[in-house]
Amino acid sequence: ERGPAFTPQYPPVRAAGRGRAWYRGDCHLHTVHSDGKR
């Protein structure tokens, strides 16, 4: 039997910001889901 279905937990597209401001980010990161080790 296939068993229970997986339930994804996606992140929201908004966080509690400071209105119009300078925000710092890193958009190129890897984890164990590809060739990263973290």
All heavy atoms as atom14 arrays in JSON, in Angstrom:
{
  "sequence": "ERGPAFTPQYPPVRAAGRGRAWYRGDCHLHTVHSDGKR",
  "atom14_mask": [
    [1, 1, 1, 1, 1, 1, 1, 1, 1, 0, 0, 0, 0, 0],
    [1, 1, 1, 1, 1, 1, 1, 1, 1, 1, 1, 0, 0, 0],
    [1, 1, 1, 1, 0, 0, 0, 0, 0, 0, 0, 0, 0, 0],
    [1, 1, 1, 1, 1, 1, 1, 0, 0, 0, 0, 0, 0, 0],
    [1, 1, 1, 1, 1, 0, 0, 0, 0, 0, 0, 0, 0, 0],
    [1, 1, 1, 1, 1, 1, 1, 1, 1, 1, 1, 0, 0, 0],
    [1, 1, 1, 1, 1, 1, 1, 0, 0, 0, 0, 0, 0, 0],
    [1, 1, 1, 1, 1, 1, 1, 0, 0, 0, 0, 0, 0, 0],
    [1, 1, 1, 1, 1, 1, 1, 1, 1, 0, 0, 0, 0, 0],
    [1, 1, 1, 1, 1, 1, 1, 1, 1, 1, 1, 1, 0, 0],
    [1, 1, 1, 1, 1, 1, 1, 0, 0, 0, 0, 0, 0, 0],
    [1, 1, 1, 1, 1, 1, 1, 0, 0, 0, 0, 0, 0, 0],
    [1, 1, 1, 1, 1, 1, 1, 0, 0, 0, 0, 0, 0, 0],
    [1, 1, 1, 1, 1, 1, 1, 1, 1, 1, 1, 0, 0, 0],
    [1, 1, 1, 1, 1, 0, 0, 0, 0, 0, 0, 0, 0, 0],
    [1, 1, 1, 1, 1, 0, 0, 0, 0, 0, 0, 0, 0, 0],
    [1, 1, 1, 1, 0, 0, 0, 0, 0, 0, 0, 0, 0, 0],
    [1, 1, 1, 1, 1, 1, 1, 1, 1, 1, 1, 0, 0, 0],
    [1, 1, 1, 1, 0, 0, 0, 0, 0, 0, 0, 0, 0, 0],
    [1, 1, 1, 1, 1, 1, 1, 1, 1, 1, 1, 0, 0, 0],
    [1, 1, 1, 1, 1, 0, 0, 0, 0, 0, 0, 0, 0, 0],
    [1, 1, 1, 1, 1, 1, 1, 1, 1, 1, 1, 1, 1, 1],
    [1, 1, 1, 1, 1, 1, 1, 1, 1, 1, 1, 1, 0, 0],
    [1, 1, 1, 1, 1, 1, 1, 1, 1, 1, 1, 0, 0, 0],
    [1, 1, 1, 1, 0, 0, 0, 0, 0, 0, 0, 0, 0, 0],
    [1, 1, 1, 1, 1, 1, 1, 1, 0, 0, 0, 0, 0, 0],
    [1, 1, 1, 1, 1, 1, 0, 0, 0, 0, 0, 0, 0, 0],
    [1, 1, 1, 1, 1, 1, 1, 1, 1, 1, 0, 0, 0, 0],
    [1, 1, 1, 1, 1, 1, 1, 1, 0, 0, 0, 0, 0, 0],
    [1, 1, 1, 1, 1, 1, 1, 1, 1, 1, 0, 0, 0, 0],
    [1, 1, 1, 1, 1, 1, 1, 0, 0, 0, 0, 0, 0, 0],
    [1, 1, 1, 1, 1, 1, 1, 0, 0, 0, 0, 0, 0, 0],
    [1, 1, 1, 1, 1, 1, 1, 1, 1, 1, 0, 0, 0, 0],
    [1, 1, 1, 1, 1, 1, 0, 0, 0, 0, 0, 0, 0, 0],
    [1, 1, 1, 1, 1, 1, 1, 1, 0, 0, 0, 0, 0, 0],
    [1, 1, 1, 1, 0, 0, 0, 0, 0, 0, 0, 0, 0, 0],
    [1, 1, 1, 1, 1, 1, 1, 1, 1, 0, 0, 0, 0, 0],
    [1, 1, 1, 1, 1, 1, 1, 1, 1, 1, 1, 0, 0, 0]
  ],
  "atom14_positions": [
    [[0.84, -1.19, 0.0], [0.0, 0.0, 0.0], [0.87, 1.24, 0.0], [1.93, 1.28, 0.64], [-0.9, 0.0, 1.23], [-1.89, -1.15, 1.27], [-2.92, -1.07, 0.16], [-3.27, 0.07, -0.21], [-3.37, -2.13, -0.32], [0.0, 0.0, 0.0], [0.0, 0.0, 0.0], [0.0, 0.0, 0.0], [0.0, 0.0, 0.0], [0.0, 0.0, 0.0]],
    [[0.38, 2.28, -0.68], [1.23, 3.46, -0.86], [1.43, 4.26, 0.42], [2.41, 4.99, 0.55], [0.65, 4.38, -1.94], [-0.7, 4.98, -1.61], [-1.19, 5.92, -2.72], [-1.17, 5.31, -4.03], [-1.72, 5.87, -5.11], [-2.32, 7.04, -5.0], [-1.67, 5.26, -6.26], [0.0, 0.0, 0.0], [0.0, 0.0, 0.0], [0.0, 0.0, 0.0]],
    [[0.52, 4.19, 1.38], [0.69, 4.92, 2.63], [0.17, 6.34, 2.54], [-0.32, 6.79, 1.49], [0.0, 0.0, 0.0], [0.0, 0.0, 0.0], [0.0, 0.0, 0.0], [0.0, 0.0, 0.0], [0.0, 0.0, 0.0], [0.0, 0.0, 0.0], [0.0, 0.0, 0.0], [0.0, 0.0, 0.0], [0.0, 0.0, 0.0], [0.0, 0.0, 0.0]],
    [[0.28, 7.1, 3.64], [-0.27, 8.46, 3.67], [0.5, 9.4, 2.74], [1.69, 9.18, 2.46], [-0.09, 8.87, 5.13], [1.03, 8.03, 5.64], [0.91, 6.72, 4.91], [0.0, 0.0, 0.0], [0.0, 0.0, 0.0], [0.0, 0.0, 0.0], [0.0, 0.0, 0.0], [0.0, 0.0, 0.0], [0.0, 0.0, 0.0], [0.0, 0.0, 0.0]],
    [[-0.18, 10.43, 2.28], [0.44, 11.4, 1.37], [1.31, 12.38, 2.14], [1.06, 12.71, 3.3], [-0.64, 12.14, 0.6], [0.0, 0.0, 0.0], [0.0, 0.0, 0.0], [0.0, 0.0, 0.0], [0.0, 0.0, 0.0], [0.0, 0.0, 0.0], [0.0, 0.0, 0.0], [0.0, 0.0, 0.0], [0.0, 0.0, 0.0], [0.0, 0.0, 0.0]],
    [[2.34, 12.86, 1.47], [3.22, 13.9, 2.02], [2.5, 15.25, 1.97], [1.82, 15.57, 1.0], [4.49, 13.96, 1.19], [5.41, 15.1, 1.53], [6.19, 15.08, 2.67], [5.48, 16.21, 0.7], [7.04, 16.11, 2.98], [6.33, 17.26, 0.99], [7.11, 17.22, 2.14], [0.0, 0.0, 0.0], [0.0, 0.0, 0.0], [0.0, 0.0, 0.0]],
    [[2.67, 16.04, 3.01], [2.08, 17.38, 3.07], [3.18, 18.43, 2.98], [3.99, 18.55, 3.91], [1.28, 17.59, 4.36], [0.25, 16.6, 4.45], [0.65, 18.98, 4.38], [0.0, 0.0, 0.0], [0.0, 0.0, 0.0], [0.0, 0.0, 0.0], [0.0, 0.0, 0.0], [0.0, 0.0, 0.0], [0.0, 0.0, 0.0], [0.0, 0.0, 0.0]],
    [[3.25, 19.17, 1.89], [4.3, 20.19, 1.78], [4.04, 21.35, 2.73], [2.9, 21.69, 3.04], [4.21, 20.64, 0.33], [2.8, 20.35, -0.08], [2.39, 19.12, 0.7], [0.0, 0.0, 0.0], [0.0, 0.0, 0.0], [0.0, 0.0, 0.0], [0.0, 0.0, 0.0], [0.0, 0.0, 0.0], [0.0, 0.0, 0.0], [0.0, 0.0, 0.0]],
    [[5.11, 21.99, 3.17], [5.04, 23.17, 4.03], [5.84, 24.29, 3.36], [7.05, 24.44, 3.6], [5.59, 22.86, 5.42], [4.76, 21.86, 6.2], [5.34, 21.58, 7.57], [6.34, 20.89, 7.71], [4.71, 22.12, 8.6], [0.0, 0.0, 0.0], [0.0, 0.0, 0.0], [0.0, 0.0, 0.0], [0.0, 0.0, 0.0], [0.0, 0.0, 0.0]],
    [[5.17, 25.03, 2.51], [5.82, 26.09, 1.74], [5.95, 27.37, 2.56], [5.09, 27.66, 3.4], [5.04, 26.37, 0.46], [4.98, 25.22, -0.51], [3.76, 24.78, -1.03], [6.14, 24.57, -0.93], [3.7, 23.74, -1.93], [6.08, 23.51, -1.83], [4.86, 23.11, -2.33], [4.81, 22.06, -3.22], [0.0, 0.0, 0.0], [0.0, 0.0, 0.0]],
    [[6.97, 28.17, 2.31], [7.11, 29.43, 3.05], [6.2, 30.5, 2.5], [5.83, 30.47, 1.32], [8.58, 29.8, 2.82], [8.9, 29.21, 1.48], [8.1, 27.92, 1.41], [0.0, 0.0, 0.0], [0.0, 0.0, 0.0], [0.0, 0.0, 0.0], [0.0, 0.0, 0.0], [0.0, 0.0, 0.0], [0.0, 0.0, 0.0], [0.0, 0.0, 0.0]],
    [[5.82, 31.49, 3.31], [5.01, 32.61, 2.83], [5.83, 33.52, 1.92], [7.07, 33.49, 1.94], [4.59, 33.33, 4.11], [5.68, 33.0, 5.09], [6.14, 31.6, 4.75], [0.0, 0.0, 0.0], [0.0, 0.0, 0.0], [0.0, 0.0, 0.0], [0.0, 0.0, 0.0], [0.0, 0.0, 0.0], [0.0, 0.0, 0.0], [0.0, 0.0, 0.0]],
    [[5.16, 34.34, 1.14], [5.85, 35.25, 0.2], [6.05, 36.63, 0.81], [6.52, 37.54, 0.13], [5.07, 35.37, -1.12], [5.0, 34.02, -1.82], [3.68, 35.95, -0.9], [0.0, 0.0, 0.0], [0.0, 0.0, 0.0], [0.0, 0.0, 0.0], [0.0, 0.0, 0.0], [0.0, 0.0, 0.0], [0.0, 0.0, 0.0], [0.0, 0.0, 0.0]],
    [[5.74, 36.78, 2.07], [5.87, 38.08, 2.74], [6.34, 37.85, 4.17], [5.97, 36.88, 4.82], [4.53, 38.81, 2.73], [4.49, 40.13, 3.48], [3.1, 40.75, 3.44], [2.7, 41.06, 2.08], [3.02, 42.19, 1.46], [3.74, 43.11, 2.09], [2.61, 42.41, 0.23], [0.0, 0.0, 0.0], [0.0, 0.0, 0.0], [0.0, 0.0, 0.0]],
    [[7.18, 38.78, 4.64], [7.6, 38.78, 6.04], [7.35, 40.17, 6.61], [7.0, 41.11, 5.89], [9.07, 38.4, 6.17], [0.0, 0.0, 0.0], [0.0, 0.0, 0.0], [0.0, 0.0, 0.0], [0.0, 0.0, 0.0], [0.0, 0.0, 0.0], [0.0, 0.0, 0.0], [0.0, 0.0, 0.0], [0.0, 0.0, 0.0], [0.0, 0.0, 0.0]],
    [[7.53, 40.29, 7.91], [7.29, 41.57, 8.58], [8.47, 42.49, 8.29], [9.52, 42.4, 8.93], [7.13, 41.37, 10.08], [0.0, 0.0, 0.0], [0.0, 0.0, 0.0], [0.0, 0.0, 0.0], [0.0, 0.0, 0.0], [0.0, 0.0, 0.0], [0.0, 0.0, 0.0], [0.0, 0.0, 0.0], [0.0, 0.0, 0.0], [0.0, 0.0, 0.0]],
    [[8.32, 43.36, 7.3], [9.4, 44.25, 6.92], [9.34, 45.59, 7.65], [8.6, 45.77, 8.63], [0.0, 0.0, 0.0], [0.0, 0.0, 0.0], [0.0, 0.0, 0.0], [0.0, 0.0, 0.0], [0.0, 0.0, 0.0], [0.0, 0.0, 0.0], [0.0, 0.0, 0.0], [0.0, 0.0, 0.0], [0.0, 0.0, 0.0], [0.0, 0.0, 0.0]],
    [[10.1, 46.55, 7.12], [10.18, 47.89, 7.69], [9.63, 48.92, 6.74], [10.04, 50.09, 6.77], [11.65, 48.22, 8.0], [12.33, 47.19, 8.9], [13.78, 47.56, 9.2], [14.62, 47.6, 8.01], [15.19, 46.55, 7.43], [14.98, 45.33, 7.92], [15.94, 46.69, 6.36], [0.0, 0.0, 0.0], [0.0, 0.0, 0.0], [0.0, 0.0, 0.0]],
    [[8.7, 48.52, 5.86], [8.24, 49.44, 4.84], [9.33, 49.63, 3.8], [10.15, 48.74, 3.57], [0.0, 0.0, 0.0], [0.0, 0.0, 0.0], [0.0, 0.0, 0.0], [0.0, 0.0, 0.0], [0.0, 0.0, 0.0], [0.0, 0.0, 0.0], [0.0, 0.0, 0.0], [0.0, 0.0, 0.0], [0.0, 0.0, 0.0], [0.0, 0.0, 0.0]],
    [[9.33, 50.78, 3.14], [10.36, 51.03, 2.13], [11.71, 51.19, 2.82], [11.91, 52.12, 3.62], [10.03, 52.25, 1.29], [11.01, 52.46, 0.13], [10.47, 53.43, -0.9], [11.4, 53.67, -2.0], [11.59, 52.87, -3.05], [10.87, 51.75, -3.15], [12.45, 53.17, -4.0], [0.0, 0.0, 0.0], [0.0, 0.0, 0.0], [0.0, 0.0, 0.0]],
    [[12.62, 50.27, 2.53], [13.9, 50.23, 3.23], [14.87, 49.38, 2.41], [14.51, 48.79, 1.39], [13.72, 49.64, 4.63], [0.0, 0.0, 0.0], [0.0, 0.0, 0.0], [0.0, 0.0, 0.0], [0.0, 0.0, 0.0], [0.0, 0.0, 0.0], [0.0, 0.0, 0.0], [0.0, 0.0, 0.0], [0.0, 0.0, 0.0], [0.0, 0.0, 0.0]],
    [[16.11, 49.36, 2.88], [17.14, 48.52, 2.27], [17.11, 47.15, 2.95], [17.21, 47.06, 4.17], [18.51, 49.15, 2.43], [18.68, 50.43, 1.66], [18.5, 51.71, 2.12], [19.05, 50.55, 0.28], [18.75, 52.61, 1.12], [19.09, 51.94, -0.03], [19.36, 49.63, -0.73], [19.42, 52.41, -1.29], [19.69, 50.11, -1.99], [19.73, 51.48, -2.26]],
    [[16.99, 46.09, 2.13], [16.93, 44.72, 2.64], [18.08, 43.91, 2.05], [18.38, 44.0, 0.85], [15.6, 44.08, 2.26], [14.4, 44.75, 2.91], [13.63, 45.66, 2.21], [14.06, 44.47, 4.22], [12.54, 46.28, 2.79], [12.97, 45.08, 4.82], [12.22, 45.99, 4.1], [11.14, 46.6, 4.7], [0.0, 0.0, 0.0], [0.0, 0.0, 0.0]],
    [[18.7, 43.09, 2.91], [19.87, 42.33, 2.51], [19.49, 40.87, 2.24], [18.79, 40.26, 3.04], [20.94, 42.39, 3.61], [21.49, 43.8, 3.81], [22.44, 43.87, 5.01], [22.96, 45.23, 5.15], [24.11, 45.67, 4.65], [24.89, 44.81, 3.98], [24.49, 46.92, 4.81], [0.0, 0.0, 0.0], [0.0, 0.0, 0.0], [0.0, 0.0, 0.0]],
    [[20.01, 40.34, 1.14], [19.67, 38.96, 0.81], [20.75, 38.24, 0.03], [21.64, 38.85, -0.58], [0.0, 0.0, 0.0], [0.0, 0.0, 0.0], [0.0, 0.0, 0.0], [0.0, 0.0, 0.0], [0.0, 0.0, 0.0], [0.0, 0.0, 0.0], [0.0, 0.0, 0.0], [0.0, 0.0, 0.0], [0.0, 0.0, 0.0], [0.0, 0.0, 0.0]],
    [[20.66, 36.92, 0.04], [21.55, 36.03, -0.69], [20.65, 35.07, -1.47], [19.89, 34.3, -0.88], [22.44, 35.27, 0.3], [23.54, 34.47, -0.38], [23.47, 34.26, -1.6], [24.48, 34.05, 0.33], [0.0, 0.0, 0.0], [0.0, 0.0, 0.0], [0.0, 0.0, 0.0], [0.0, 0.0, 0.0], [0.0, 0.0, 0.0], [0.0, 0.0, 0.0]],
    [[20.73, 35.13, -2.79], [19.78, 34.41, -3.65], [20.38, 33.21, -4.36], [19.75, 32.67, -5.28], [19.17, 35.37, -4.66], [18.09, 36.62, -3.93], [0.0, 0.0, 0.0], [0.0, 0.0, 0.0], [0.0, 0.0, 0.0], [0.0, 0.0, 0.0], [0.0, 0.0, 0.0], [0.0, 0.0, 0.0], [0.0, 0.0, 0.0], [0.0, 0.0, 0.0]],
    [[21.56, 32.79, -3.97], [22.2, 31.64, -4.62], [22.82, 30.77, -3.54], [23.94, 31.02, -3.07], [23.26, 32.14, -5.61], [23.84, 31.08, -6.49], [24.61, 31.38, -7.59], [23.76, 29.72, -6.45], [25.0, 30.25, -8.18], [24.49, 29.24, -7.49], [0.0, 0.0, 0.0], [0.0, 0.0, 0.0], [0.0, 0.0, 0.0], [0.0, 0.0, 0.0]],
    [[22.08, 29.73, -3.15], [22.45, 28.9, -2.0], [22.08, 27.44, -2.27], [21.09, 27.16, -2.94], [21.72, 29.38, -0.74], [22.06, 30.79, -0.27], [20.95, 31.35, 0.62], [23.4, 30.79, 0.47], [0.0, 0.0, 0.0], [0.0, 0.0, 0.0], [0.0, 0.0, 0.0], [0.0, 0.0, 0.0], [0.0, 0.0, 0.0], [0.0, 0.0, 0.0]],
    [[22.88, 26.53, -1.72], [22.66, 25.11, -1.96], [22.6, 24.33, -0.65], [23.22, 24.72, 0.34], [23.77, 24.55, -2.85], [23.8, 25.18, -4.21], [22.95, 24.79, -5.21], [24.55, 26.19, -4.71], [23.19, 25.54, -6.29], [24.15, 26.4, -6.0], [0.0, 0.0, 0.0], [0.0, 0.0, 0.0], [0.0, 0.0, 0.0], [0.0, 0.0, 0.0]],
    [[21.84, 23.25, -0.67], [21.66, 22.4, 0.5], [21.81, 20.94, 0.09], [22.17, 20.63, -1.05], [20.26, 22.6, 1.12], [19.27, 22.01, 0.24], [19.94, 24.07, 1.33], [0.0, 0.0, 0.0], [0.0, 0.0, 0.0], [0.0, 0.0, 0.0], [0.0, 0.0, 0.0], [0.0, 0.0, 0.0], [0.0, 0.0, 0.0], [0.0, 0.0, 0.0]],
    [[21.48, 20.05, 1.01], [21.51, 18.61, 0.71], [20.5, 18.23, -0.36], [20.53, 17.09, -0.84], [21.28, 17.78, 1.99], [22.43, 17.97, 2.97], [19.94, 18.13, 2.64], [0.0, 0.0, 0.0], [0.0, 0.0, 0.0], [0.0, 0.0, 0.0], [0.0, 0.0, 0.0], [0.0, 0.0, 0.0], [0.0, 0.0, 0.0], [0.0, 0.0, 0.0]],
    [[19.63, 19.13, -0.74], [18.68, 18.82, -1.81], [19.34, 18.86, -3.19], [18.7, 18.51, -4.19], [17.47, 19.75, -1.75], [16.55, 19.42, -0.63], [15.44, 18.63, -0.78], [16.59, 19.73, 0.7], [14.83, 18.47, 0.38], [15.51, 19.14, 1.3], [0.0, 0.0, 0.0], [0.0, 0.0, 0.0], [0.0, 0.0, 0.0], [0.0, 0.0, 0.0]],
    [[20.6, 19.32, -3.27], [21.39, 19.12, -4.5], [22.79, 18.72, -4.07], [22.96, 17.69, -3.42], [21.34, 20.34, -5.42], [21.82, 21.51, -4.8], [0.0, 0.0, 0.0], [0.0, 0.0, 0.0], [0.0, 0.0, 0.0], [0.0, 0.0, 0.0], [0.0, 0.0, 0.0], [0.0, 0.0, 0.0], [0.0, 0.0, 0.0], [0.0, 0.0, 0.0]],
    [[23.8, 19.55, -4.38], [25.17, 19.15, -4.06], [25.73, 19.88, -2.85], [26.94, 19.87, -2.62], [26.09, 19.37, -5.27], [26.13, 20.81, -5.73], [25.25, 21.6, -5.33], [27.04, 21.16, -6.51], [0.0, 0.0, 0.0], [0.0, 0.0, 0.0], [0.0, 0.0, 0.0], [0.0, 0.0, 0.0], [0.0, 0.0, 0.0], [0.0, 0.0, 0.0]],
    [[24.87, 20.52, -2.06], [25.32, 21.14, -0.83], [25.43, 20.11, 0.3], [24.92, 19.0, 0.21], [0.0, 0.0, 0.0], [0.0, 0.0, 0.0], [0.0, 0.0, 0.0], [0.0, 0.0, 0.0], [0.0, 0.0, 0.0], [0.0, 0.0, 0.0], [0.0, 0.0, 0.0], [0.0, 0.0, 0.0], [0.0, 0.0, 0.0], [0.0, 0.0, 0.0]],
    [[26.1, 20.52, 1.36], [26.27, 19.65, 2.52], [25.5, 20.13, 3.74], [25.55, 19.49, 4.79], [27.77, 19.55, 2.87], [28.61, 18.91, 1.78], [28.19, 17.47, 1.51], [29.1, 16.81, 0.49], [28.67, 15.44, 0.16], [0.0, 0.0, 0.0], [0.0, 0.0, 0.0], [0.0, 0.0, 0.0], [0.0, 0.0, 0.0], [0.0, 0.0, 0.0]],
    [[24.77, 21.22, 3.61], [24.01, 21.77, 4.73], [22.53, 21.43, 4.58], [21.99, 21.42, 3.47], [24.19, 23.28, 4.79], [25.6, 23.71, 5.16], [25.85, 25.17, 4.84], [27.14, 25.63, 5.37], [27.81, 26.67, 4.9], [27.32, 27.36, 3.89], [28.97, 27.02, 5.44], [0.0, 0.0, 0.0], [0.0, 0.0, 0.0], [0.0, 0.0, 0.0]]
  ]
}
